Structures are given as C-alpha cells and as structure tokens.
C-alpha cells in the first residue's frame, strides 16, 4: 500500500472526536505489521510499541486520529435534522455539503439552502449560523426516527481526490496524515537497529481538548515526546509569517512548548539526512498534542513536526504526499540519531 492509498483509507473512515472506534480498528490493522505490539488504552488511544535493541530510553510519537464533525440534536415535524458541532467546525463551509448520519445504519443527506431567487438582498449578504442549517434526508419524521437518534454523529461525505503533482485533497487530513507518518516511520525503522523503545500513539479527542495525549503520555512516561500534526499552509491571502509552504518538507516548531535540544536535534537530523524542512514559531500553546505531553507527570522533552496543509478544518484540506513521507522519514532518522546520545546529558538544559 503506497502513501496515497494509506491516507485514502484513513481519511475516508469516520472517526469524530469521542467516536473513533471505526478508524481506530483500521489504524490497529495498519500498524500491527511494523511493531512488536499494538494495544488500546481505556480512552481509546491506539499504542504501537516497537522495542529498541538496548532500551536506553522511551520516545513517544503522537498524531491524533479524531476528526471534527457534527451531532444530531433535533428532528423536526417534517423530518429535517438539526445539528450541532463537535470540534472546530467552520459553519461557513457546511452549506450544500453531502453528509452521512451514523445511525442504526448509514443515512445519507444534504445540508440545503434557500434558493437565491427566494432570498432578499440582505439575506444573501449574511453568513448562515449553524443553528439555522438542517439536514434533508428525504425521509419523513417517522422514517428518520426509525434510523436516527438524538446524539448520532454526522460526517461530511467526501472521498480523497488527486490534484496535480503529488497533491491530494479531502476531509480529515488533519490529522490522519500524521498517523500515516507514524506508519512510515515504523516501516523505515524496520531497516535499522535503534536503541530506544518507540511508542507510536494515534490519539483520540485532540480536537476537543487534547485528551488522548494526556492519558497516553501519563501511561507511557516517555523521555521524549514528538507531536505530529498539520500546520497552516501558505495561500495568497495569508502572510508568510505564521504559514508554511506545501512541498518544502515538515516544519520544525520552536517556542516555549518545545525543548531546545529536541528542536536542534531535529534540525541537525534533517540536514544530515538531506530532508527538506521549515521552521515555525509558537510563542505559547502549539495547539497540538505536544502541549499536554510537555507537562505530564514530571515533564517530558517535547517537539512538534507540522505537515503543511491548506484549508484546515474543511472538507477540501490539501497537502503534498511528499511532505508526509519526509515527516515519517525524519522521525525515523531522529530516533536513530539517539543511538549516539546519552539521554540524560542530551535532555539537560
């Protein structure tokens, strides 16, 4: 299975925050051939363990498996379904989307809008709030209620599409591509003798509070933690500051959430391995799993790798496959670089 095929199966499998069961099964199946053990913890994080030849330390690589989504909150007398959001859904992107309601069975619907012919000029100039949107399935109220219940999860119906060069677009690339990078890293490590133990964790509920990273880090107690997530890809209307460019490799984050030795070592590793990279700054919370990882128990030396992504939190998130592959390879090379380091000295300020 190549990188695109892996990302396709990961992104097209549903897994809204708190309801990741289906995608977690896919991830378990994908990772099992590249590690010594795969297990789930009590919150639902998938933890793939690859033993090091000397066990000189523990490195945790984390990427979240959950995606943003919707939840059914009401069925009106005509069978229209009202909904709310789970995670940071941009309500501007919901109009005219095809959706799947995950009820007793999959129910397909659309989020419609009043035709422009029947709207006033004032209405056409306003963005619609999520409270005013409804899902139309074509069913009556009685038919809907036989299949759909209050609290059922809703996802956007979207398949991964191929753009020019090696670019792809689709939903949930944030952060299923991070999970794909974990697999690429584990696959790369098959060819090497790494001394440290490696824990690749597909975390749950990142989009609603980085909860999976909190519990998994607490259980693993790593010496080093690296969060793999997506970063804001540069587009014409955005400043070059605070954005990263697609196709130029992962971004290495620096700032208070990042241990200087991890940042410097990742940069040195990328240079030595001839892997393209960028640098991004985060002067506070990185908005990734690295935040809880850093302050778990007595503290963990953390780093962040960001895969450039355009149109974040939409159903047409866009990136380059080569950036995903470079991210996975960089993590593998970083783990190998630890063979030559005394962990205690390396992590001292």
Protein backbone atom coordinates (compact mmCIF):
# COMPACT_ATOMS: atom_id res chain seq x y z
CA UNK A 1 0.00 0.00 0.00
CA UNK A 2 1.51 3.34 -1.03
CA UNK A 3 1.18 6.61 0.87
CA UNK A 4 -1.83 7.84 -1.07
CA UNK A 5 -3.72 4.57 -0.59
CA UNK A 6 -2.93 4.62 3.12
CA UNK A 7 -4.17 8.19 3.52
CA UNK A 8 -7.26 7.42 1.48
CA UNK A 9 -8.40 4.59 3.73
CA UNK A 10 -7.59 6.61 6.85
CA UNK A 11 -9.43 9.76 5.77
CA UNK A 12 -12.50 8.09 4.34
CA UNK A 13 -13.09 6.08 7.52
CA UNK A 14 -15.22 8.01 10.06
CA UNK A 15 -13.83 8.90 13.47
CA UNK A 16 -15.29 12.05 15.03
CA UNK A 17 -13.83 13.09 18.39
CA UNK A 18 -15.11 10.72 21.07
CA UNK A 19 -16.38 8.26 18.45
CA UNK A 20 -13.15 6.96 16.92
CA UNK A 21 -13.91 3.23 17.12
CA UNK A 22 -14.10 2.56 13.38
CA UNK A 23 -10.96 4.42 12.36
CA UNK A 24 -9.04 3.03 15.35
CA UNK A 25 -9.65 -0.50 14.06
CA UNK A 26 -8.23 0.49 10.68
CA UNK A 27 -5.17 2.05 12.35
CA UNK A 28 -4.55 -1.02 14.51
CA UNK A 29 -4.63 -3.20 11.42
CA UNK A 30 -2.27 -0.88 9.52
CA UNK A 31 0.35 -0.64 12.28
CA UNK A 32 0.48 -4.23 13.50
CA UNK A 33 2.97 -5.43 10.87
CA UNK A 34 5.59 -2.82 11.81
CA UNK A 35 5.83 -3.15 15.58
CA UNK A 36 6.07 -5.68 18.42
CA UNK A 37 2.70 -4.91 19.99
CA UNK A 38 -0.42 -2.88 19.32
CA UNK A 39 -2.93 -2.16 22.06
CA UNK A 40 -5.65 0.28 23.06
CA UNK A 41 -5.81 2.08 26.37
CA UNK A 42 -9.00 2.76 28.29
CA UNK A 43 -9.66 6.06 26.48
CA UNK A 44 -9.24 4.50 23.02
CA UNK A 45 -5.73 5.63 22.05
CA UNK A 46 -4.01 3.13 19.73
CA UNK A 47 -0.47 2.48 21.01
CA UNK A 48 2.03 0.71 18.77
CA UNK A 49 5.18 -0.38 20.59
CA UNK A 50 8.48 -1.15 18.84
CA UNK A 51 11.18 -2.38 21.17
CA UNK A 52 14.67 -0.92 20.96
CA UNK A 53 17.75 -3.14 20.99
CA UNK A 54 19.05 -1.59 24.21
CA UNK A 55 16.04 0.08 25.81
CA UNK A 56 18.11 3.18 26.58
CA UNK A 57 15.08 5.45 26.65
CA UNK A 58 11.49 5.89 25.51
CA UNK A 59 10.32 8.05 22.62
CA UNK A 60 6.63 8.73 22.09
CA UNK A 61 5.39 9.87 18.68
CA UNK A 62 1.80 11.13 18.72
CA UNK A 63 -0.68 12.01 15.97
CA UNK A 64 -4.39 12.37 16.57
CA UNK A 65 -6.85 10.12 14.79
CA UNK A 66 -10.05 12.09 15.53
CA UNK A 67 -11.74 14.45 13.12
CA UNK A 68 -14.18 17.31 13.59
CA UNK A 69 -17.83 16.55 12.88
CA UNK A 70 -21.48 17.11 13.71
CA UNK A 71 -24.08 15.63 16.06
CA UNK A 72 -27.86 15.29 15.73
CA UNK A 73 -29.70 17.44 18.27
CA UNK A 74 -33.30 17.56 16.98
CA UNK A 75 -35.65 16.08 14.38
CA UNK A 76 -38.45 18.46 13.43
CA UNK A 77 -42.02 17.62 12.45
CA UNK A 78 -41.12 17.47 8.76
CA UNK A 79 -38.16 15.13 9.20
CA UNK A 80 -35.45 17.79 8.90
CA UNK A 81 -32.49 17.18 11.20
CA UNK A 82 -30.96 19.96 13.26
CA UNK A 83 -27.40 19.53 14.43
CA UNK A 84 -24.53 20.99 16.39
CA UNK A 85 -20.75 20.77 16.02
CA UNK A 86 -18.09 18.57 17.59
CA UNK A 87 -14.76 20.39 17.45
CA UNK A 88 -13.88 23.47 15.46
CA UNK A 89 -16.24 23.22 12.50
CA UNK A 90 -16.34 26.32 10.30
CA UNK A 91 -20.08 26.81 9.73
CA UNK A 92 -19.40 28.76 6.53
CA UNK A 93 -18.27 25.51 4.85
CA UNK A 94 -21.36 23.46 5.69
CA UNK A 95 -23.77 24.79 3.07
CA UNK A 96 -24.62 22.31 0.31
CA UNK A 97 -22.46 19.54 1.75
CA UNK A 98 -23.31 15.87 1.41
CA UNK A 99 -23.28 14.19 4.81
CA UNK A 100 -23.54 10.75 6.40
CA UNK A 101 -25.55 10.28 9.58
CA UNK A 102 -24.15 7.33 11.53
CA UNK A 103 -27.41 5.99 12.98
CA UNK A 104 -28.70 2.42 13.12
CA UNK A 105 -27.36 2.34 9.58
CA UNK A 106 -25.71 4.95 7.39
CA UNK A 107 -28.23 7.58 6.34
CA UNK A 108 -27.24 9.95 3.55
CA UNK A 109 -28.39 13.54 3.50
CA UNK A 110 -27.56 17.03 2.35
CA UNK A 111 -27.35 20.39 4.06
CA UNK A 112 -29.53 22.54 1.84
CA UNK A 113 -30.04 26.27 1.50
CA UNK A 114 -32.87 28.51 0.32
CA UNK A 115 -32.52 29.31 -3.43
CA UNK A 116 -31.18 32.81 -4.17
CA UNK A 117 -34.37 33.54 -6.13
CA UNK A 118 -36.33 33.41 -2.86
CA UNK A 119 -33.94 35.33 -0.63
CA UNK A 120 -33.71 39.06 -0.05
CA UNK A 121 -30.57 41.03 -0.83
CA UNK A 122 -29.97 41.40 2.90
CA UNK A 123 -30.22 37.62 3.45
CA UNK A 124 -27.77 36.93 0.62
CA UNK A 125 -25.18 39.15 2.28
CA UNK A 126 -25.22 37.29 5.59
CA UNK A 127 -23.50 34.07 6.61
CA UNK A 128 -25.89 31.47 7.96
CA UNK A 129 -25.38 30.26 11.50
CA UNK A 130 -25.20 26.55 12.31
CA UNK A 131 -28.46 26.92 14.25
CA UNK A 132 -30.29 27.82 11.04
CA UNK A 133 -28.98 24.88 9.00
CA UNK A 134 -30.71 21.49 8.65
CA UNK A 135 -30.02 18.11 7.07
CA UNK A 136 -32.51 16.86 4.50
CA UNK A 137 -32.56 13.07 4.02
CA UNK A 138 -35.76 12.81 2.00
CA UNK A 139 -37.38 10.83 4.82
CA UNK A 140 -40.46 11.79 6.82
CA UNK A 141 -40.16 12.37 10.58
CA UNK A 142 -41.33 8.81 11.31
CA UNK A 143 -38.90 7.29 8.81
CA UNK A 144 -35.99 9.34 10.15
CA UNK A 145 -36.73 8.39 13.74
CA UNK A 146 -36.63 4.69 12.84
CA UNK A 147 -32.96 5.11 11.83
CA UNK A 148 -31.62 8.22 13.55
CA UNK A 149 -31.45 9.17 17.22
CA UNK A 150 -30.54 12.33 19.07
CA UNK A 151 -26.77 12.20 19.65
CA UNK A 152 -25.90 10.32 16.47
CA UNK A 153 -22.69 11.52 14.83
CA UNK A 154 -22.60 13.10 11.36
CA UNK A 155 -19.62 13.30 9.00
CA UNK A 156 -19.14 15.02 5.65
CA UNK A 157 -19.30 12.58 2.74
CA UNK A 158 -16.05 13.12 0.91
CA UNK A 159 -13.56 10.97 -0.99
CA UNK A 160 -9.87 11.78 -1.30
CA UNK A 161 -9.11 13.32 -4.69
CA UNK A 162 -5.82 13.66 -6.56
CA UNK A 163 -4.73 17.11 -7.69
CA UNK A 164 -1.68 17.97 -9.79
CA UNK A 165 1.81 16.69 -8.98
CA UNK A 166 1.58 14.68 -5.74
CA UNK A 167 -1.09 16.84 -4.07
CA UNK A 168 -4.32 15.44 -2.64
CA UNK A 169 -7.43 16.97 -1.09
CA UNK A 170 -10.12 15.63 1.20
CA UNK A 171 -11.52 15.61 4.71
CA UNK A 172 -9.79 14.62 7.96
CA UNK A 173 -6.27 15.02 6.58
CA UNK A 174 -5.96 16.81 9.92
CA UNK A 175 -4.54 14.64 11.37
CA UNK A 176 -4.84 11.24 9.68
CA UNK A 177 -1.76 12.21 7.66
CA UNK A 178 0.09 12.42 10.96
CA UNK A 179 -0.98 8.84 11.66
CA UNK A 180 0.25 7.88 8.17
CA UNK A 181 3.61 9.48 9.00
CA UNK A 182 3.82 7.30 12.13
CA UNK A 183 3.41 4.20 9.97
CA UNK A 184 6.05 5.44 7.52
CA UNK A 185 8.41 5.96 10.47
CA UNK A 186 7.80 2.44 11.82
CA UNK A 187 8.30 0.99 8.35
CA UNK A 188 11.60 2.86 7.99
CA UNK A 189 12.78 1.59 11.37
CA UNK A 190 12.45 -1.99 10.12
CA UNK A 191 15.76 -1.37 8.34
CA UNK A 192 17.66 -0.05 11.35
CA UNK A 193 18.94 -1.08 14.77
CA UNK A 194 17.53 1.62 17.04
CA UNK A 195 18.46 1.55 20.72
CA UNK A 196 15.46 3.37 22.23
CA UNK A 197 11.97 1.98 22.67
CA UNK A 198 9.45 3.63 20.34
CA UNK A 199 5.78 4.22 21.11
CA UNK A 200 3.66 5.44 18.18
CA UNK A 201 0.33 6.69 19.51
CA UNK A 202 -2.75 7.53 17.45
CA UNK A 203 -4.51 9.72 19.99
CA UNK A 204 -8.20 10.39 20.47
CA UNK A 205 -10.15 13.57 21.23
CA UNK A 206 -7.42 16.05 20.28
CA UNK A 207 -9.95 18.31 18.57
CA UNK A 208 -11.92 18.72 21.80
CA UNK A 209 -9.07 19.19 24.26
CA UNK A 210 -6.01 17.00 23.50
CA UNK A 211 -7.39 14.42 25.93
CA UNK A 212 -5.87 11.30 24.41
CA UNK A 213 -2.38 12.73 24.64
CA UNK A 214 -2.86 13.44 28.33
CA UNK A 215 -3.74 9.87 29.27
CA UNK A 216 -1.35 8.08 26.90
CA UNK A 217 1.65 10.18 27.94
CA UNK A 218 0.79 9.59 31.60
CA UNK A 219 0.78 5.83 30.96
CA UNK A 220 3.92 5.63 28.81
CA UNK A 221 6.09 8.15 30.71
CA UNK A 222 8.39 8.86 27.74
CA UNK A 223 11.72 10.65 27.88
CA UNK A 224 10.96 12.41 24.59
CA UNK A 225 7.60 13.23 23.00
CA UNK A 226 7.04 14.42 19.44
CA UNK A 227 3.63 15.54 18.23
CA UNK A 228 2.97 15.20 14.51
CA UNK A 229 0.19 17.46 13.29
CA UNK A 230 -0.66 19.77 10.41
CA UNK A 231 0.32 23.41 10.04
CA UNK A 232 -1.24 26.31 8.16
CA UNK A 233 -0.25 26.04 4.51
CA UNK A 234 0.56 29.26 2.73
CA UNK A 235 -2.08 30.72 0.39
CA UNK A 236 -2.07 34.08 -1.43
CA UNK A 237 -4.23 35.91 1.12
CA UNK A 238 -2.14 34.85 4.12
CA UNK A 239 1.03 36.42 5.44
CA UNK A 240 4.24 34.45 5.03
CA UNK A 241 4.62 34.72 8.78
CA UNK A 242 2.62 32.09 10.60
CA UNK A 243 2.31 29.90 7.49
CA UNK A 244 4.42 27.15 5.93
CA UNK A 245 4.79 26.13 2.31
CA UNK A 246 3.49 22.91 0.81
CA UNK A 247 6.19 20.79 -0.81
CA UNK A 248 9.11 22.10 1.25
CA UNK A 249 9.00 19.45 3.94
CA UNK A 250 7.72 19.45 7.52
CA UNK A 251 8.03 22.47 9.77
CA UNK A 252 10.02 22.20 12.99
CA UNK A 253 8.36 24.23 15.73
CA UNK A 254 10.29 26.34 18.21
CA UNK A 255 8.95 28.12 21.27
CA UNK A 256 8.16 27.56 24.97
CA UNK A 257 6.28 24.31 24.28
CA UNK A 258 9.42 22.86 22.65
CA UNK A 259 12.58 21.55 24.30
CA UNK A 260 15.59 23.29 22.66
CA UNK A 261 17.57 20.05 22.41
CA UNK A 262 14.72 18.36 20.52
CA UNK A 263 14.35 21.26 18.10
CA UNK A 264 18.09 21.47 17.45
CA UNK A 265 18.44 17.72 17.05
CA UNK A 266 15.55 17.52 14.59
CA UNK A 267 17.11 20.33 12.57
CA UNK A 268 20.54 18.68 12.60
CA UNK A 269 18.99 15.33 11.65
CA UNK A 270 17.08 16.85 8.72
CA UNK A 271 20.26 18.47 7.41
CA UNK A 272 22.31 15.29 7.74
CA UNK A 273 19.63 13.21 6.03
CA UNK A 274 19.07 15.79 3.28
CA UNK A 275 15.39 16.11 4.21
CA UNK A 276 13.84 19.48 3.45
CA UNK A 277 12.38 21.31 6.44
CA UNK A 278 10.97 24.65 7.52
CA UNK A 279 10.84 26.45 10.87
CA UNK A 280 7.70 27.79 12.51
CA UNK A 281 7.35 29.63 15.79
CA UNK A 282 4.77 29.10 18.53
CA UNK A 283 5.11 31.62 21.34
CA UNK A 284 2.61 29.80 23.55
CA UNK A 285 0.26 26.83 23.16
CA UNK A 286 1.10 24.95 19.95
CA UNK A 287 -2.49 23.69 19.69
CA UNK A 288 -1.15 20.15 19.37
CA UNK A 289 -0.69 17.04 21.48
CA UNK A 290 2.72 18.43 22.47
CA UNK A 291 1.10 20.77 24.99
CA UNK A 292 -0.18 18.10 27.40
CA UNK A 293 2.79 15.84 26.64
CA UNK A 294 5.21 18.51 27.86
CA UNK A 295 3.58 18.92 31.29
CA UNK A 296 2.55 15.33 32.05
CA UNK A 297 3.83 14.00 35.40
CA UNK A 298 7.31 15.47 35.98
CA UNK A 299 7.51 16.80 32.40
CA UNK A 300 8.57 15.48 29.01
CA UNK A 301 11.01 16.98 26.49
CA UNK A 302 8.77 17.68 23.50
CA UNK A 303 8.98 18.61 19.86
CA UNK A 304 6.46 19.29 17.08
CA UNK A 305 6.56 18.40 13.39
CA UNK A 306 3.95 20.17 11.26
CA UNK A 307 2.88 18.91 7.85
CA UNK A 308 1.87 21.88 5.63
CA UNK A 309 -1.88 21.86 4.95
CA UNK A 310 -4.19 24.31 3.22
CA UNK A 311 -7.87 24.92 4.06
CA UNK A 312 -7.70 23.39 7.55
CA UNK A 313 -10.97 22.16 9.10
CA UNK A 314 -12.79 21.97 5.78
CA UNK A 315 -13.69 19.01 3.59
CA UNK A 316 -11.07 20.01 1.00
CA UNK A 317 -7.93 20.07 3.12
CA UNK A 318 -4.97 19.98 0.73
CA UNK A 319 -1.35 18.85 1.02
CA UNK A 320 1.58 17.16 -0.70
CA UNK A 321 2.20 13.45 -0.19
CA UNK A 322 5.95 14.08 -0.24
CA UNK A 323 5.68 16.21 2.91
CA UNK A 324 4.00 13.31 4.73
CA UNK A 325 6.72 10.90 3.62
CA UNK A 326 9.50 13.30 4.62
CA UNK A 327 7.94 13.68 8.05
CA UNK A 328 7.89 9.92 8.64
CA UNK A 329 11.48 9.53 7.45
CA UNK A 330 12.68 12.43 9.58
CA UNK A 331 11.21 10.83 12.71
CA UNK A 332 12.95 7.55 11.91
CA UNK A 333 16.29 9.29 11.38
CA UNK A 334 15.82 11.27 14.60
CA UNK A 335 15.25 8.03 16.53
CA UNK A 336 18.41 6.58 15.01
CA UNK A 337 20.37 9.70 15.99
CA UNK A 338 19.59 8.94 19.63
CA UNK A 339 21.84 5.87 19.43
CA UNK A 340 24.81 8.23 19.75
CA UNK A 341 23.40 10.31 22.59
CA UNK A 342 23.41 9.93 26.34
CA UNK A 343 19.73 10.63 27.04
CA UNK A 344 20.36 12.27 30.41
CA UNK A 345 23.02 14.65 29.10
CA UNK A 346 21.11 15.30 25.87
CA UNK A 347 18.00 16.48 27.68
CA UNK A 348 19.68 18.66 30.30
CA UNK A 349 19.17 22.41 29.98
